[in-house]
Amino acid sequence: MDLRLIVIVAFGGAIGAVLRYALPSLISNQNSIFITLGINLLGSLLLGILFGLLATGSNISEELVLLIGTGFIGAFTTMSAFAFEAMETSQNNAIHGLSYILSTVFGSIFLAWLGYSAILHYSS
């Protein structure tokens, strides 16, 4: 295991985690499920763009992939908050809970595909 790569992931993770913590306080909306949804959708789009760049043969280093993909996006997005909020929302209103789950899952997959496809399309 390369200590230098661990430090790179940790640095990206620290930035992502701090932004994930700070963002809800910067947004006046008190409904945390929309903040979590937005963060997870944005992270999926960014990861799609990153891997789209890799697929086009862009000269992206392993360090940059680890910094942004594993570190920053990994810490910025959050499955645990999604899981808890989905459970809590579903208990209060089953339709809202299901809508939140479907929006997160399918929206994340769609935006990852969109970012990836956009990079592939514009690089050719």
N, C-alpha and C. Protein backbone atom coordinates (compact mmCIF):
# COMPACT_ATOMS: atom_id res chain seq x y z
N MET A 1 0.84 -1.17 0.00
CA MET A 1 0.00 0.00 0.00
C MET A 1 0.89 1.24 0.00
N ASP A 2 0.57 2.16 -0.89
CA ASP A 2 1.37 3.36 -1.07
C ASP A 2 0.85 4.48 -0.16
N LEU A 3 1.67 4.89 0.80
CA LEU A 3 1.27 5.92 1.77
C LEU A 3 0.92 7.23 1.07
N ARG A 4 1.60 7.56 0.00
CA ARG A 4 1.33 8.79 -0.75
C ARG A 4 -0.10 8.78 -1.30
N LEU A 5 -0.55 7.65 -1.81
CA LEU A 5 -1.90 7.54 -2.35
C LEU A 5 -2.94 7.61 -1.23
N ILE A 6 -2.61 7.05 -0.08
CA ILE A 6 -3.51 7.13 1.07
C ILE A 6 -3.69 8.59 1.49
N VAL A 7 -2.63 9.34 1.50
CA VAL A 7 -2.69 10.76 1.87
C VAL A 7 -3.54 11.53 0.85
N ILE A 8 -3.40 11.20 -0.42
CA ILE A 8 -4.19 11.86 -1.47
C ILE A 8 -5.67 11.59 -1.27
N VAL A 9 -6.04 10.33 -1.03
CA VAL A 9 -7.44 9.98 -0.78
C VAL A 9 -7.94 10.69 0.48
N ALA A 10 -7.13 10.71 1.52
CA ALA A 10 -7.52 11.36 2.78
C ALA A 10 -7.74 12.86 2.58
N PHE A 11 -6.90 13.49 1.79
CA PHE A 11 -7.05 14.93 1.53
C PHE A 11 -8.34 15.20 0.77
N GLY A 12 -8.59 14.43 -0.29
CA GLY A 12 -9.84 14.59 -1.04
C GLY A 12 -11.05 14.30 -0.16
N GLY A 13 -10.94 13.27 0.67
CA GLY A 13 -12.02 12.92 1.59
C GLY A 13 -12.28 14.01 2.60
N ALA A 14 -11.24 14.63 3.09
CA ALA A 14 -11.41 15.72 4.06
C ALA A 14 -12.16 16.89 3.43
N ILE A 15 -11.82 17.23 2.21
CA ILE A 15 -12.51 18.33 1.53
C ILE A 15 -13.98 17.96 1.29
N GLY A 16 -14.23 16.75 0.81
CA GLY A 16 -15.60 16.30 0.56
C GLY A 16 -16.42 16.25 1.83
N ALA A 17 -15.83 15.74 2.90
CA ALA A 17 -16.56 15.62 4.17
C ALA A 17 -16.89 17.00 4.76
N VAL A 18 -15.95 17.92 4.69
CA VAL A 18 -16.20 19.26 5.21
C VAL A 18 -17.29 19.95 4.39
N LEU A 19 -17.22 19.82 3.07
CA LEU A 19 -18.25 20.42 2.23
C LEU A 19 -19.61 19.78 2.49
N ARG A 20 -19.63 18.46 2.68
CA ARG A 20 -20.88 17.74 2.98
C ARG A 20 -21.47 18.22 4.30
N TYR A 21 -20.62 18.50 5.26
CA TYR A 21 -21.07 19.00 6.56
C TYR A 21 -21.56 20.45 6.46
N ALA A 22 -20.83 21.29 5.71
CA ALA A 22 -21.11 22.71 5.65
C ALA A 22 -22.28 23.07 4.74
N LEU A 23 -22.47 22.34 3.68
CA LEU A 23 -23.48 22.69 2.68
C LEU A 23 -24.89 22.84 3.25
N PRO A 24 -25.37 21.92 4.07
CA PRO A 24 -26.72 22.11 4.61
C PRO A 24 -26.90 23.41 5.40
N SER A 25 -25.86 23.86 6.09
CA SER A 25 -25.99 25.10 6.85
C SER A 25 -25.94 26.33 5.94
N LEU A 26 -25.38 26.18 4.73
CA LEU A 26 -25.33 27.29 3.79
C LEU A 26 -26.62 27.43 3.00
N ILE A 27 -27.41 26.37 2.97
CA ILE A 27 -28.67 26.37 2.23
C ILE A 27 -29.79 26.60 3.23
N SER A 28 -30.66 27.57 2.92
CA SER A 28 -31.70 27.91 3.88
C SER A 28 -32.82 26.88 3.95
N ASN A 29 -32.91 25.99 2.96
CA ASN A 29 -33.95 24.96 2.95
C ASN A 29 -33.74 24.02 4.14
N GLN A 30 -34.74 23.87 4.96
CA GLN A 30 -34.64 23.04 6.14
C GLN A 30 -34.94 21.57 5.88
N ASN A 31 -35.36 21.23 4.66
CA ASN A 31 -35.72 19.86 4.34
C ASN A 31 -34.47 19.09 3.90
N SER A 32 -33.91 18.32 4.80
CA SER A 32 -32.62 17.67 4.56
C SER A 32 -32.65 16.63 3.45
N ILE A 33 -33.82 16.06 3.15
CA ILE A 33 -33.82 15.05 2.09
C ILE A 33 -33.48 15.68 0.74
N PHE A 34 -33.88 16.93 0.52
CA PHE A 34 -33.55 17.57 -0.76
C PHE A 34 -32.08 17.94 -0.84
N ILE A 35 -31.49 18.28 0.29
CA ILE A 35 -30.05 18.56 0.31
C ILE A 35 -29.27 17.28 0.02
N THR A 36 -29.63 16.18 0.69
CA THR A 36 -28.97 14.90 0.45
C THR A 36 -29.18 14.45 -0.99
N LEU A 37 -30.40 14.60 -1.50
CA LEU A 37 -30.68 14.23 -2.89
C LEU A 37 -29.79 15.04 -3.83
N GLY A 38 -29.72 16.34 -3.64
CA GLY A 38 -28.90 17.19 -4.50
C GLY A 38 -27.43 16.82 -4.44
N ILE A 39 -26.93 16.56 -3.26
CA ILE A 39 -25.53 16.18 -3.09
C ILE A 39 -25.25 14.85 -3.79
N ASN A 40 -26.12 13.87 -3.61
CA ASN A 40 -25.90 12.56 -4.24
C ASN A 40 -26.03 12.64 -5.76
N LEU A 41 -26.95 13.46 -6.26
CA LEU A 41 -27.09 13.62 -7.72
C LEU A 41 -25.86 14.33 -8.30
N LEU A 42 -25.42 15.38 -7.63
CA LEU A 42 -24.23 16.10 -8.09
C LEU A 42 -23.00 15.20 -8.08
N GLY A 43 -22.84 14.44 -7.02
CA GLY A 43 -21.71 13.51 -6.94
C GLY A 43 -21.74 12.48 -8.05
N SER A 44 -22.93 11.99 -8.38
CA SER A 44 -23.06 11.01 -9.46
C SER A 44 -22.69 11.63 -10.80
N LEU A 45 -23.13 12.86 -11.03
CA LEU A 45 -22.78 13.56 -12.27
C LEU A 45 -21.26 13.76 -12.36
N LEU A 46 -20.65 14.22 -11.27
CA LEU A 46 -19.20 14.43 -11.27
C LEU A 46 -18.43 13.14 -11.49
N LEU A 47 -18.88 12.05 -10.88
CA LEU A 47 -18.20 10.77 -11.07
C LEU A 47 -18.36 10.29 -12.51
N GLY A 48 -19.54 10.50 -13.10
CA GLY A 48 -19.74 10.16 -14.51
C GLY A 48 -18.81 10.95 -15.41
N ILE A 49 -18.65 12.23 -15.14
CA ILE A 49 -17.73 13.07 -15.93
C ILE A 49 -16.30 12.58 -15.77
N LEU A 50 -15.90 12.29 -14.55
CA LEU A 50 -14.54 11.81 -14.30
C LEU A 50 -14.25 10.53 -15.07
N PHE A 51 -15.17 9.57 -15.00
CA PHE A 51 -14.94 8.30 -15.70
C PHE A 51 -15.14 8.43 -17.20
N GLY A 52 -15.94 9.40 -17.63
CA GLY A 52 -16.02 9.71 -19.05
C GLY A 52 -14.69 10.22 -19.58
N LEU A 53 -14.06 11.09 -18.80
CA LEU A 53 -12.73 11.59 -19.18
C LEU A 53 -11.72 10.45 -19.25
N LEU A 54 -11.78 9.53 -18.31
CA LEU A 54 -10.89 8.38 -18.33
C LEU A 54 -11.13 7.51 -19.56
N ALA A 55 -12.40 7.32 -19.91
CA ALA A 55 -12.75 6.46 -21.04
C ALA A 55 -12.30 7.05 -22.37
N THR A 56 -12.17 8.37 -22.44
CA THR A 56 -11.74 9.01 -23.69
C THR A 56 -10.22 9.02 -23.84
N GLY A 57 -9.55 8.51 -22.84
CA GLY A 57 -8.09 8.49 -22.91
C GLY A 57 -7.46 9.79 -22.46
N SER A 58 -8.24 10.64 -21.78
CA SER A 58 -7.68 11.88 -21.26
C SER A 58 -6.54 11.55 -20.31
N ASN A 59 -5.59 12.41 -20.27
CA ASN A 59 -4.40 12.19 -19.46
C ASN A 59 -4.69 12.55 -18.00
N ILE A 60 -5.46 11.70 -17.34
CA ILE A 60 -5.80 11.92 -15.93
C ILE A 60 -5.01 10.92 -15.11
N SER A 61 -4.30 11.44 -14.15
CA SER A 61 -3.44 10.58 -13.34
C SER A 61 -4.24 9.76 -12.34
N GLU A 62 -3.62 8.69 -11.89
CA GLU A 62 -4.22 7.86 -10.83
C GLU A 62 -4.45 8.71 -9.59
N GLU A 63 -3.53 9.61 -9.31
CA GLU A 63 -3.65 10.47 -8.14
C GLU A 63 -4.90 11.35 -8.22
N LEU A 64 -5.17 11.91 -9.40
CA LEU A 64 -6.34 12.77 -9.55
C LEU A 64 -7.64 11.97 -9.42
N VAL A 65 -7.66 10.77 -9.97
CA VAL A 65 -8.84 9.90 -9.82
C VAL A 65 -9.07 9.58 -8.35
N LEU A 66 -8.01 9.27 -7.63
CA LEU A 66 -8.14 8.96 -6.21
C LEU A 66 -8.55 10.19 -5.41
N LEU A 67 -7.97 11.33 -5.73
CA LEU A 67 -8.30 12.58 -5.02
C LEU A 67 -9.77 12.94 -5.21
N ILE A 68 -10.21 12.96 -6.46
CA ILE A 68 -11.58 13.40 -6.76
C ILE A 68 -12.60 12.27 -6.59
N GLY A 69 -12.35 11.14 -7.24
CA GLY A 69 -13.33 10.05 -7.25
C GLY A 69 -13.48 9.36 -5.92
N THR A 70 -12.39 8.82 -5.42
CA THR A 70 -12.45 8.06 -4.17
C THR A 70 -12.54 8.99 -2.96
N GLY A 71 -11.69 10.00 -2.92
CA GLY A 71 -11.64 10.89 -1.75
C GLY A 71 -12.80 11.86 -1.69
N PHE A 72 -12.79 12.84 -2.60
CA PHE A 72 -13.78 13.92 -2.53
C PHE A 72 -15.21 13.41 -2.72
N ILE A 73 -15.49 12.76 -3.85
CA ILE A 73 -16.86 12.33 -4.13
C ILE A 73 -17.31 11.26 -3.14
N GLY A 74 -16.39 10.37 -2.76
CA GLY A 74 -16.72 9.33 -1.79
C GLY A 74 -17.15 9.90 -0.45
N ALA A 75 -16.51 10.96 -0.02
CA ALA A 75 -16.87 11.57 1.27
C ALA A 75 -18.02 12.57 1.14
N PHE A 76 -18.14 13.19 -0.02
CA PHE A 76 -19.18 14.20 -0.24
C PHE A 76 -20.57 13.56 -0.33
N THR A 77 -20.68 12.48 -1.07
CA THR A 77 -21.96 11.80 -1.21
C THR A 77 -22.17 10.88 -0.01
N THR A 78 -23.40 10.48 0.22
CA THR A 78 -23.63 9.72 1.44
C THR A 78 -24.78 8.74 1.30
N MET A 79 -24.46 7.48 1.37
CA MET A 79 -25.46 6.43 1.32
C MET A 79 -26.16 6.30 2.67
N SER A 80 -25.44 6.50 3.75
CA SER A 80 -26.04 6.33 5.07
C SER A 80 -27.12 7.38 5.34
N ALA A 81 -26.87 8.63 4.97
CA ALA A 81 -27.90 9.67 5.15
C ALA A 81 -29.10 9.36 4.26
N PHE A 82 -28.84 8.92 3.03
CA PHE A 82 -29.93 8.54 2.13
C PHE A 82 -30.77 7.43 2.74
N ALA A 83 -30.12 6.41 3.25
CA ALA A 83 -30.84 5.26 3.82
C ALA A 83 -31.70 5.70 5.01
N PHE A 84 -31.14 6.50 5.90
CA PHE A 84 -31.89 6.93 7.07
C PHE A 84 -33.05 7.84 6.68
N GLU A 85 -32.79 8.80 5.79
CA GLU A 85 -33.84 9.72 5.38
C GLU A 85 -34.94 9.00 4.59
N ALA A 86 -34.57 8.00 3.80
CA ALA A 86 -35.57 7.22 3.07
C ALA A 86 -36.48 6.48 4.06
N MET A 87 -35.87 5.89 5.08
CA MET A 87 -36.64 5.17 6.10
C MET A 87 -37.56 6.14 6.85
N GLU A 88 -37.01 7.26 7.27
CA GLU A 88 -37.77 8.23 8.05
C GLU A 88 -38.91 8.84 7.21
N THR A 89 -38.62 9.19 5.98
CA THR A 89 -39.64 9.77 5.10
C THR A 89 -40.72 8.75 4.80
N SER A 90 -40.34 7.51 4.58
CA SER A 90 -41.31 6.45 4.30
C SER A 90 -42.25 6.20 5.47
N GLN A 91 -41.74 6.33 6.68
CA GLN A 91 -42.58 6.15 7.87
C GLN A 91 -43.62 7.25 7.98
N ASN A 92 -43.23 8.46 7.57
CA ASN A 92 -44.15 9.60 7.64
C ASN A 92 -45.14 9.62 6.48
N ASN A 93 -44.67 9.24 5.30
CA ASN A 93 -45.52 9.26 4.10
C ASN A 93 -44.91 8.30 3.08
N ALA A 94 -45.56 7.19 2.86
CA ALA A 94 -45.01 6.14 1.99
C ALA A 94 -44.76 6.63 0.56
N ILE A 95 -45.65 7.45 0.04
CA ILE A 95 -45.48 7.97 -1.33
C ILE A 95 -44.27 8.89 -1.41
N HIS A 96 -44.09 9.77 -0.44
CA HIS A 96 -42.92 10.65 -0.42
C HIS A 96 -41.64 9.84 -0.28
N GLY A 97 -41.67 8.83 0.57
CA GLY A 97 -40.50 7.97 0.75
C GLY A 97 -40.13 7.26 -0.54
N LEU A 98 -41.11 6.68 -1.20
CA LEU A 98 -40.85 5.99 -2.46
C LEU A 98 -40.35 6.96 -3.52
N SER A 99 -40.94 8.14 -3.57
CA SER A 99 -40.48 9.16 -4.54
C SER A 99 -39.02 9.54 -4.30
N TYR A 100 -38.67 9.70 -3.03
CA TYR A 100 -37.30 10.04 -2.67
C TYR A 100 -36.33 8.93 -3.06
N ILE A 101 -36.70 7.70 -2.79
CA ILE A 101 -35.85 6.56 -3.13
C ILE A 101 -35.67 6.47 -4.64
N LEU A 102 -36.76 6.54 -5.38
CA LEU A 102 -36.68 6.42 -6.84
C LEU A 102 -35.91 7.59 -7.45
N SER A 103 -36.15 8.81 -6.93
CA SER A 103 -35.43 9.98 -7.44
C SER A 103 -33.93 9.84 -7.22
N THR A 104 -33.55 9.37 -6.06
CA THR A 104 -32.13 9.23 -5.75
C THR A 104 -31.49 8.13 -6.59
N VAL A 105 -32.09 6.96 -6.62
CA VAL A 105 -31.49 5.83 -7.33
C VAL A 105 -31.44 6.09 -8.84
N PHE A 106 -32.60 6.38 -9.42
CA PHE A 106 -32.62 6.55 -10.87
C PHE A 106 -32.00 7.86 -11.30
N GLY A 107 -32.16 8.91 -10.50
CA GLY A 107 -31.52 10.19 -10.81
C GLY A 107 -30.01 10.08 -10.77
N SER A 108 -29.48 9.38 -9.79
CA SER A 108 -28.02 9.20 -9.68
C SER A 108 -27.47 8.41 -10.86
N ILE A 109 -28.16 7.34 -11.21
CA ILE A 109 -27.71 6.53 -12.35
C ILE A 109 -27.80 7.35 -13.63
N PHE A 110 -28.90 8.08 -13.82
CA PHE A 110 -29.07 8.88 -15.02
C PHE A 110 -27.99 9.96 -15.12
N LEU A 111 -27.73 10.67 -14.03
CA LEU A 111 -26.73 11.74 -14.09
C LEU A 111 -25.31 11.21 -14.26
N ALA A 112 -25.01 10.06 -13.68
CA ALA A 112 -23.70 9.45 -13.93
C ALA A 112 -23.57 9.11 -15.41
N TRP A 113 -24.61 8.53 -15.99
CA TRP A 113 -24.61 8.21 -17.42
C TRP A 113 -24.51 9.49 -18.26
N LEU A 114 -25.25 10.53 -17.88
CA LEU A 114 -25.24 11.78 -18.62
C LEU A 114 -23.86 12.41 -18.64
N GLY A 115 -23.22 12.47 -17.48
CA GLY A 115 -21.87 13.04 -17.41
C GLY A 115 -20.89 12.24 -18.24
N TYR A 116 -20.95 10.93 -18.12
CA TYR A 116 -20.08 10.02 -18.86
C TYR A 116 -20.32 10.16 -20.36
N SER A 117 -21.58 10.13 -20.77
CA SER A 117 -21.92 10.21 -22.19
C SER A 117 -21.57 11.56 -22.79
N ALA A 118 -21.78 12.62 -22.02
CA ALA A 118 -21.45 13.95 -22.53
C ALA A 118 -19.97 14.07 -22.83
N ILE A 119 -19.15 13.57 -21.95
CA ILE A 119 -17.70 13.62 -22.18
C ILE A 119 -17.34 12.78 -23.40
N LEU A 120 -17.89 11.59 -23.51
CA LEU A 120 -17.60 10.74 -24.68
C LEU A 120 -18.06 11.41 -25.97
N HIS A 121 -19.22 12.02 -25.95
CA HIS A 121 -19.78 12.66 -27.14
C HIS A 121 -18.93 13.87 -27.58
N TYR A 122 -18.58 14.71 -26.63
CA TYR A 122 -17.85 15.94 -26.97
C TYR A 122 -16.37 15.73 -27.21
N SER A 123 -15.86 14.56 -26.87
CA SER A 123 -14.44 14.32 -27.12
C SER A 123 -14.20 13.68 -28.48
N SER A 124 -15.28 13.23 -29.13
CA SER A 124 -15.09 12.57 -30.43
C SER A 124 -15.29 13.50 -31.58
